[in-house]
PDB file of all heavy atoms in Angstrom:
ATOM      1  N   ALA A   1      42.243  53.575  57.028  1.00  0.00           N
ATOM      2  CA  ALA A   1      42.425  53.750  58.470  1.00  0.00           C
ATOM      3  C   ALA A   1      43.799  54.337  58.764  1.00  0.00           C
ATOM      4  O   ALA A   1      43.949  55.215  59.626  1.00  0.00           O
ATOM      5  CB  ALA A   1      42.243  52.415  59.192  1.00  0.00           C
ATOM      6  N   TRP A   2      44.815  53.863  58.065  1.00  0.00           N
ATOM      7  CA  TRP A   2      46.175  54.391  58.259  1.00  0.00           C
ATOM      8  C   TRP A   2      46.246  55.854  57.837  1.00  0.00           C
ATOM      9  O   TRP A   2      46.811  56.692  58.555  1.00  0.00           O
ATOM     10  CB  TRP A   2      47.184  53.566  57.453  1.00  0.00           C
ATOM     11  CG  TRP A   2      47.280  52.144  57.889  1.00  0.00           C
ATOM     12  CD1 TRP A   2      46.398  51.135  57.621  1.00  0.00           C
ATOM     13  CD2 TRP A   2      48.302  51.562  58.702  1.00  0.00           C
ATOM     14  NE1 TRP A   2      46.812  49.962  58.209  1.00  0.00           N
ATOM     15  CE2 TRP A   2      47.982  50.186  58.868  1.00  0.00           C
ATOM     16  CE3 TRP A   2      49.464  52.056  59.281  1.00  0.00           C
ATOM     17  CZ2 TRP A   2      48.794  49.318  59.602  1.00  0.00           C
ATOM     18  CZ3 TRP A   2      50.276  51.186  60.011  1.00  0.00           C
ATOM     19  CH2 TRP A   2      49.938  49.845  60.166  1.00  0.00           C
ATOM     20  N   ALA A   3      45.687  56.148  56.675  1.00  0.00           N
ATOM     21  CA  ALA A   3      45.731  57.532  56.183  1.00  0.00           C
ATOM     22  C   ALA A   3      44.976  58.462  57.120  1.00  0.00           C
ATOM     23  O   ALA A   3      45.427  59.582  57.404  1.00  0.00           O
ATOM     24  CB  ALA A   3      45.146  57.595  54.768  1.00  0.00           C
ATOM     25  N   TYR A   4      43.837  57.996  57.614  1.00  0.00           N
ATOM     26  CA  TYR A   4      42.989  58.832  58.468  1.00  0.00           C
ATOM     27  C   TYR A   4      43.711  59.247  59.742  1.00  0.00           C
ATOM     28  O   TYR A   4      43.811  60.432  60.060  1.00  0.00           O
ATOM     29  CB  TYR A   4      41.716  58.055  58.811  1.00  0.00           C
ATOM     30  CG  TYR A   4      40.767  58.782  59.735  1.00  0.00           C
ATOM     31  CD1 TYR A   4      39.865  59.724  59.243  1.00  0.00           C
ATOM     32  CD2 TYR A   4      40.762  58.521  61.100  1.00  0.00           C
ATOM     33  CE1 TYR A   4      38.984  60.385  60.092  1.00  0.00           C
ATOM     34  CE2 TYR A   4      39.883  59.169  61.954  1.00  0.00           C
ATOM     35  CZ  TYR A   4      39.004  60.105  61.446  1.00  0.00           C
ATOM     36  OH  TYR A   4      38.141  60.756  62.286  1.00  0.00           O
ATOM     37  N   ILE A   5      44.257  58.277  60.486  1.00  0.00           N
ATOM     38  CA  ILE A   5      44.866  58.625  61.769  1.00  0.00           C
ATOM     39  C   ILE A   5      46.166  59.395  61.574  1.00  0.00           C
ATOM     40  O   ILE A   5      46.481  60.311  62.352  1.00  0.00           O
ATOM     41  CB  ILE A   5      45.074  57.372  62.647  1.00  0.00           C
ATOM     42  CG1 ILE A   5      45.356  57.793  64.093  1.00  0.00           C
ATOM     43  CG2 ILE A   5      46.147  56.460  62.094  1.00  0.00           C
ATOM     44  CD1 ILE A   5      45.304  56.653  65.092  1.00  0.00           C
ATOM     45  N   CYS A   6      46.917  59.071  60.532  1.00  0.00           N
ATOM     46  CA  CYS A   6      48.137  59.835  60.253  1.00  0.00           C
ATOM     47  C   CYS A   6      47.823  61.291  59.969  1.00  0.00           C
ATOM     48  O   CYS A   6      48.475  62.206  60.496  1.00  0.00           O
ATOM     49  CB  CYS A   6      48.894  59.216  59.079  1.00  0.00           C
ATOM     50  SG  CYS A   6      49.755  57.674  59.454  1.00  0.00           S
ATOM     51  N   GLN A   7      46.809  61.533  59.152  1.00  0.00           N
ATOM     52  CA  GLN A   7      46.446  62.905  58.805  1.00  0.00           C
ATOM     53  C   GLN A   7      45.921  63.671  60.010  1.00  0.00           C
ATOM     54  O   GLN A   7      46.252  64.844  60.210  1.00  0.00           O
ATOM     55  CB  GLN A   7      45.408  62.892  57.687  1.00  0.00           C
ATOM     56  CG  GLN A   7      45.953  62.437  56.347  1.00  0.00           C
ATOM     57  CD  GLN A   7      44.858  62.149  55.331  1.00  0.00           C
ATOM     58  OE1 GLN A   7      43.693  62.490  55.525  1.00  0.00           O
ATOM     59  NE2 GLN A   7      45.236  61.502  54.237  1.00  0.00           N
ATOM     60  N   LYS A   8      45.117  63.007  60.846  1.00  0.00           N
ATOM     61  CA  LYS A   8      44.544  63.685  62.011  1.00  0.00           C
ATOM     62  C   LYS A   8      45.626  64.093  63.013  1.00  0.00           C
ATOM     63  O   LYS A   8      45.602  65.192  63.564  1.00  0.00           O
ATOM     64  CB  LYS A   8      43.514  62.785  62.685  1.00  0.00           C
ATOM     65  CG  LYS A   8      42.209  62.645  61.913  1.00  0.00           C
ATOM     66  CD  LYS A   8      41.486  63.977  61.819  1.00  0.00           C
ATOM     67  CE  LYS A   8      40.132  63.841  61.179  1.00  0.00           C
ATOM     68  NZ  LYS A   8      39.407  65.137  61.093  1.00  0.00           N
ATOM     69  N   VAL A   9      46.572  63.197  63.268  1.00  0.00           N
ATOM     70  CA  VAL A   9      47.645  63.534  64.201  1.00  0.00           C
ATOM     71  C   VAL A   9      48.527  64.631  63.624  1.00  0.00           C
ATOM     72  O   VAL A   9      48.924  65.571  64.333  1.00  0.00           O
ATOM     73  CB  VAL A   9      48.479  62.286  64.543  1.00  0.00           C
ATOM     74  CG1 VAL A   9      49.684  62.671  65.396  1.00  0.00           C
ATOM     75  CG2 VAL A   9      47.625  61.267  65.287  1.00  0.00           C
ATOM     76  N   GLN A  10      48.812  64.534  62.333  1.00  0.00           N
ATOM     77  CA  GLN A  10      49.652  65.557  61.710  1.00  0.00           C
ATOM     78  C   GLN A  10      48.984  66.927  61.749  1.00  0.00           C
ATOM     79  O   GLN A  10      49.639  67.940  61.986  1.00  0.00           O
ATOM     80  CB  GLN A  10      49.967  65.156  60.262  1.00  0.00           C
ATOM     81  CG  GLN A  10      51.043  66.008  59.600  1.00  0.00           C
ATOM     82  CD  GLN A  10      50.482  67.229  58.893  1.00  0.00           C
ATOM     83  OE1 GLN A  10      49.308  67.228  58.478  1.00  0.00           O
ATOM     84  NE2 GLN A  10      51.285  68.266  58.747  1.00  0.00           N
ATOM     85  N   GLU A  11      47.671  66.961  61.553  1.00  0.00           N
ATOM     86  CA  GLU A  11      46.950  68.237  61.632  1.00  0.00           C
ATOM     87  C   GLU A  11      47.079  68.840  63.027  1.00  0.00           C
ATOM     88  O   GLU A  11      47.277  70.047  63.182  1.00  0.00           O
ATOM     89  CB  GLU A  11      45.473  68.030  61.294  1.00  0.00           C
ATOM     90  CG  GLU A  11      45.197  67.769  59.824  1.00  0.00           C
ATOM     91  CD  GLU A  11      43.754  67.356  59.581  1.00  0.00           C
ATOM     92  OE1 GLU A  11      42.937  67.437  60.536  1.00  0.00           O
ATOM     93  OE2 GLU A  11      43.424  66.943  58.450  1.00  0.00           O
ATOM     94  N   CYS A  12      46.967  68.000  64.040  1.00  0.00           N
ATOM     95  CA  CYS A  12      47.091  68.483  65.418  1.00  0.00           C
ATOM     96  C   CYS A  12      48.517  68.956  65.694  1.00  0.00           C
ATOM     97  O   CYS A  12      48.725  70.024  66.282  1.00  0.00           O
ATOM     98  CB  CYS A  12      46.687  67.386  66.396  1.00  0.00           C
ATOM     99  SG  CYS A  12      46.798  67.892  68.124  1.00  0.00           S
ATOM    100  N   GLN A  13      49.484  68.174  65.268  1.00  0.00           N
ATOM    101  CA  GLN A  13      50.878  68.572  65.487  1.00  0.00           C
ATOM    102  C   GLN A  13      51.171  69.908  64.826  1.00  0.00           C
ATOM    103  O   GLN A  13      51.801  70.787  65.434  1.00  0.00           O
ATOM    104  CB  GLN A  13      51.814  67.492  64.928  1.00  0.00           C
ATOM    105  CG  GLN A  13      53.291  67.728  65.202  1.00  0.00           C
ATOM    106  CD  GLN A  13      53.949  68.703  64.247  1.00  0.00           C
ATOM    107  OE1 GLN A  13      53.601  68.761  63.059  1.00  0.00           O
ATOM    108  NE2 GLN A  13      54.898  69.484  64.739  1.00  0.00           N
ATOM    109  N   GLN A  14      50.687  70.071  63.617  1.00  0.00           N
ATOM    110  CA  GLN A  14      50.949  71.303  62.883  1.00  0.00           C
ATOM    111  C   GLN A  14      50.218  72.488  63.497  1.00  0.00           C
ATOM    112  O   GLN A  14      50.763  73.590  63.612  1.00  0.00           O
ATOM    113  CB  GLN A  14      50.535  71.125  61.425  1.00  0.00           C
ATOM    114  CG  GLN A  14      50.913  72.289  60.514  1.00  0.00           C
ATOM    115  CD  GLN A  14      50.577  71.993  59.074  1.00  0.00           C
ATOM    116  OE1 GLN A  14      49.432  71.725  58.732  1.00  0.00           O
ATOM    117  NE2 GLN A  14      51.575  72.021  58.209  1.00  0.00           N
ATOM    118  N   THR A  15      48.976  72.277  63.925  1.00  0.00           N
ATOM    119  CA  THR A  15      48.175  73.361  64.490  1.00  0.00           C
ATOM    120  C   THR A  15      48.773  73.896  65.784  1.00  0.00           C
ATOM    121  O   THR A  15      48.833  75.113  66.005  1.00  0.00           O
ATOM    122  CB  THR A  15      46.736  72.876  64.759  1.00  0.00           C
ATOM    123  OG1 THR A  15      46.148  72.462  63.519  1.00  0.00           O
ATOM    124  CG2 THR A  15      45.893  73.980  65.384  1.00  0.00           C
ATOM    125  N   TYR A  16      49.232  72.978  66.639  1.00  0.00           N
ATOM    126  CA  TYR A  16      49.683  73.391  67.977  1.00  0.00           C
ATOM    127  C   TYR A  16      51.192  73.333  68.165  1.00  0.00           C
ATOM    128  O   TYR A  16      51.701  73.779  69.191  1.00  0.00           O
ATOM    129  CB  TYR A  16      48.984  72.537  69.033  1.00  0.00           C
ATOM    130  CG  TYR A  16      47.488  72.694  68.977  1.00  0.00           C
ATOM    131  CD1 TYR A  16      46.677  71.680  68.456  1.00  0.00           C
ATOM    132  CD2 TYR A  16      46.865  73.868  69.393  1.00  0.00           C
ATOM    133  CE1 TYR A  16      45.306  71.836  68.376  1.00  0.00           C
ATOM    134  CE2 TYR A  16      45.494  74.024  69.311  1.00  0.00           C
ATOM    135  CZ  TYR A  16      44.720  73.000  68.803  1.00  0.00           C
ATOM    136  OH  TYR A  16      43.356  73.163  68.720  1.00  0.00           O
ATOM    137  N   ASN A  17      51.910  72.765  67.177  1.00  0.00           N
ATOM    138  CA  ASN A  17      53.379  72.753  67.210  1.00  0.00           C
ATOM    139  C   ASN A  17      53.929  71.814  68.278  1.00  0.00           C
ATOM    140  O   ASN A  17      54.886  72.149  68.992  1.00  0.00           O
ATOM    141  CB  ASN A  17      53.921  74.175  67.414  1.00  0.00           C
ATOM    142  CG  ASN A  17      55.370  74.317  66.968  1.00  0.00           C
ATOM    143  OD1 ASN A  17      55.860  73.533  66.158  1.00  0.00           O
ATOM    144  ND2 ASN A  17      56.061  75.307  67.507  1.00  0.00           N
ATOM    145  N   PHE A  18      53.344  70.624  68.383  1.00  0.00           N
ATOM    146  CA  PHE A  18      53.868  69.624  69.314  1.00  0.00           C
ATOM    147  C   PHE A  18      55.213  69.086  68.822  1.00  0.00           C
ATOM    148  O   PHE A  18      55.460  68.999  67.620  1.00  0.00           O
ATOM    149  CB  PHE A  18      52.877  68.470  69.471  1.00  0.00           C
ATOM    150  CG  PHE A  18      51.734  68.775  70.392  1.00  0.00           C
ATOM    151  CD1 PHE A  18      50.476  69.083  69.891  1.00  0.00           C
ATOM    152  CD2 PHE A  18      51.925  68.763  71.762  1.00  0.00           C
ATOM    153  CE1 PHE A  18      49.417  69.364  70.745  1.00  0.00           C
ATOM    154  CE2 PHE A  18      50.872  69.041  72.627  1.00  0.00           C
ATOM    155  CZ  PHE A  18      49.614  69.346  72.120  1.00  0.00           C
ATOM    156  N   ASP A  19      56.056  68.694  69.780  1.00  0.00           N
ATOM    157  CA  ASP A  19      57.418  68.262  69.476  1.00  0.00           C
ATOM    158  C   ASP A  19      57.587  66.753  69.451  1.00  0.00           C
ATOM    159  O   ASP A  19      58.523  66.245  68.838  1.00  0.00           O
ATOM    160  CB  ASP A  19      58.382  68.823  70.522  1.00  0.00           C
ATOM    161  CG  ASP A  19      58.315  70.325  70.609  1.00  0.00           C
ATOM    162  OD1 ASP A  19      58.640  70.984  69.610  1.00  0.00           O
ATOM    163  OD2 ASP A  19      57.917  70.841  71.669  1.00  0.00           O
ATOM    164  N   PHE A  20      56.734  66.050  70.172  1.00  0.00           N
ATOM    165  CA  PHE A  20      56.853  64.599  70.204  1.00  0.00           C
ATOM    166  C   PHE A  20      55.505  63.993  70.536  1.00  0.00           C
ATOM    167  O   PHE A  20      54.564  64.693  70.935  1.00  0.00           O
ATOM    168  CB  PHE A  20      57.919  64.135  71.209  1.00  0.00           C
ATOM    169  CG  PHE A  20      57.607  64.406  72.661  1.00  0.00           C
ATOM    170  CD1 PHE A  20      56.980  63.456  73.453  1.00  0.00           C
ATOM    171  CD2 PHE A  20      57.967  65.604  73.254  1.00  0.00           C
ATOM    172  CE1 PHE A  20      56.708  63.693  74.795  1.00  0.00           C
ATOM    173  CE2 PHE A  20      57.708  65.860  74.601  1.00  0.00           C
ATOM    174  CZ  PHE A  20      57.075  64.902  75.370  1.00  0.00           C
ATOM    175  N   MET A  21      55.416  62.709  70.339  1.00  0.00           N
ATOM    176  CA  MET A  21      54.201  61.995  70.701  1.00  0.00           C
ATOM    177  C   MET A  21      54.553  60.897  71.693  1.00  0.00           C
ATOM    178  O   MET A  21      55.610  60.264  71.607  1.00  0.00           O
ATOM    179  CB  MET A  21      53.526  61.388  69.473  1.00  0.00           C
ATOM    180  CG  MET A  21      54.276  60.252  68.812  1.00  0.00           C
ATOM    181  SD  MET A  21      53.332  59.562  67.425  1.00  0.00           S
ATOM    182  CE  MET A  21      54.317  58.113  67.016  1.00  0.00           C
ATOM    183  N   ARG A  22      53.690  60.711  72.660  1.00  0.00           N
ATOM    184  CA  ARG A  22      53.756  59.550  73.533  1.00  0.00           C
ATOM    185  C   ARG A  22      52.799  58.540  72.913  1.00  0.00           C
ATOM    186  O   ARG A  22      51.594  58.731  72.880  1.00  0.00           O
ATOM    187  CB  ARG A  22      53.353  59.931  74.952  1.00  0.00           C
ATOM    188  CG  ARG A  22      53.437  58.786  75.977  1.00  0.00           C
ATOM    189  CD  ARG A  22      52.081  58.211  76.176  1.00  0.00           C
ATOM    190  NE  ARG A  22      52.008  57.345  77.352  1.00  0.00           N
ATOM    191  CZ  ARG A  22      50.943  56.626  77.663  1.00  0.00           C
ATOM    192  NH1 ARG A  22      49.852  56.678  76.907  1.00  0.00           N
ATOM    193  NH2 ARG A  22      50.928  55.865  78.717  1.00  0.00           N
ATOM    194  N   GLY A  23      53.340  57.476  72.360  1.00  0.00           N
ATOM    195  CA  GLY A  23      52.534  56.488  71.658  1.00  0.00           C
ATOM    196  C   GLY A  23      51.890  55.529  72.633  1.00  0.00           C
ATOM    197  O   GLY A  23      52.577  54.688  73.225  1.00  0.00           O
ATOM    198  N   ASP A  24      50.588  55.646  72.823  1.00  0.00           N
ATOM    199  CA  ASP A  24      49.875  54.806  73.777  1.00  0.00           C
ATOM    200  C   ASP A  24      49.834  53.359  73.285  1.00  0.00           C
ATOM    201  O   ASP A  24      49.619  53.096  72.104  1.00  0.00           O
ATOM    202  CB  ASP A  24      48.445  55.339  73.961  1.00  0.00           C
ATOM    203  CG  ASP A  24      47.706  54.642  75.088  1.00  0.00           C
ATOM    204  OD1 ASP A  24      48.263  54.566  76.194  1.00  0.00           O
ATOM    205  OD2 ASP A  24      46.580  54.174  74.863  1.00  0.00           O
ATOM    206  N   MET A  25      50.044  52.428  74.213  1.00  0.00           N
ATOM    207  CA  MET A  25      50.006  50.993  73.919  1.00  0.00           C
ATOM    208  C   MET A  25      50.954  50.622  72.779  1.00  0.00           C
ATOM    209  O   MET A  25      50.645  49.813  71.906  1.00  0.00           O
ATOM    210  CB  MET A  25      48.583  50.540  73.609  1.00  0.00           C
ATOM    211  CG  MET A  25      47.610  50.805  74.752  1.00  0.00           C
ATOM    212  SD  MET A  25      46.043  49.950  74.600  1.00  0.00           S
ATOM    213  CE  MET A  25      46.515  48.301  75.125  1.00  0.00           C
ATOM    214  N   ALA A  26      52.142  51.205  72.821  1.00  0.00           N
ATOM    215  CA  ALA A  26      53.126  50.913  71.779  1.00  0.00           C
ATOM    216  C   ALA A  26      53.654  49.487  71.853  1.00  0.00           C
ATOM    217  O   ALA A  26      54.306  49.011  70.922  1.00  0.00           O
ATOM    218  CB  ALA A  26      54.284  51.910  71.870  1.00  0.00           C
ATOM    219  N   HIS A  27      53.391  48.804  72.968  1.00  0.00           N
ATOM    220  CA  HIS A  27      53.841  47.415  73.102  1.00  0.00           C
ATOM    221  C   HIS A  27      53.000  46.442  72.283  1.00  0.00           C
ATOM    222  O   HIS A  27      53.356  45.270  72.171  1.00  0.00           O
ATOM    223  CB  HIS A  27      53.798  46.989  74.574  1.00  0.00           C
ATOM    224  CG  HIS A  27      52.508  47.300  75.271  1.00  0.00           C
ATOM    225  ND1 HIS A  27      51.337  46.631  75.009  1.00  0.00           N
ATOM    226  CD2 HIS A  27      52.198  48.240  76.198  1.00  0.00           C
ATOM    227  CE1 HIS A  27      50.373  47.131  75.762  1.00  0.00           C
ATOM    228  NE2 HIS A  27      50.858  48.108  76.490  1.00  0.00           N
TER     229      HIS A  27
END
């Protein structure tokens, strides 16, 4: 589960060149 979500977000960041993430429900 950890590997899956990390890889998916990284793919999106790399594809579109996002600079930061707003982490939902970080509390």
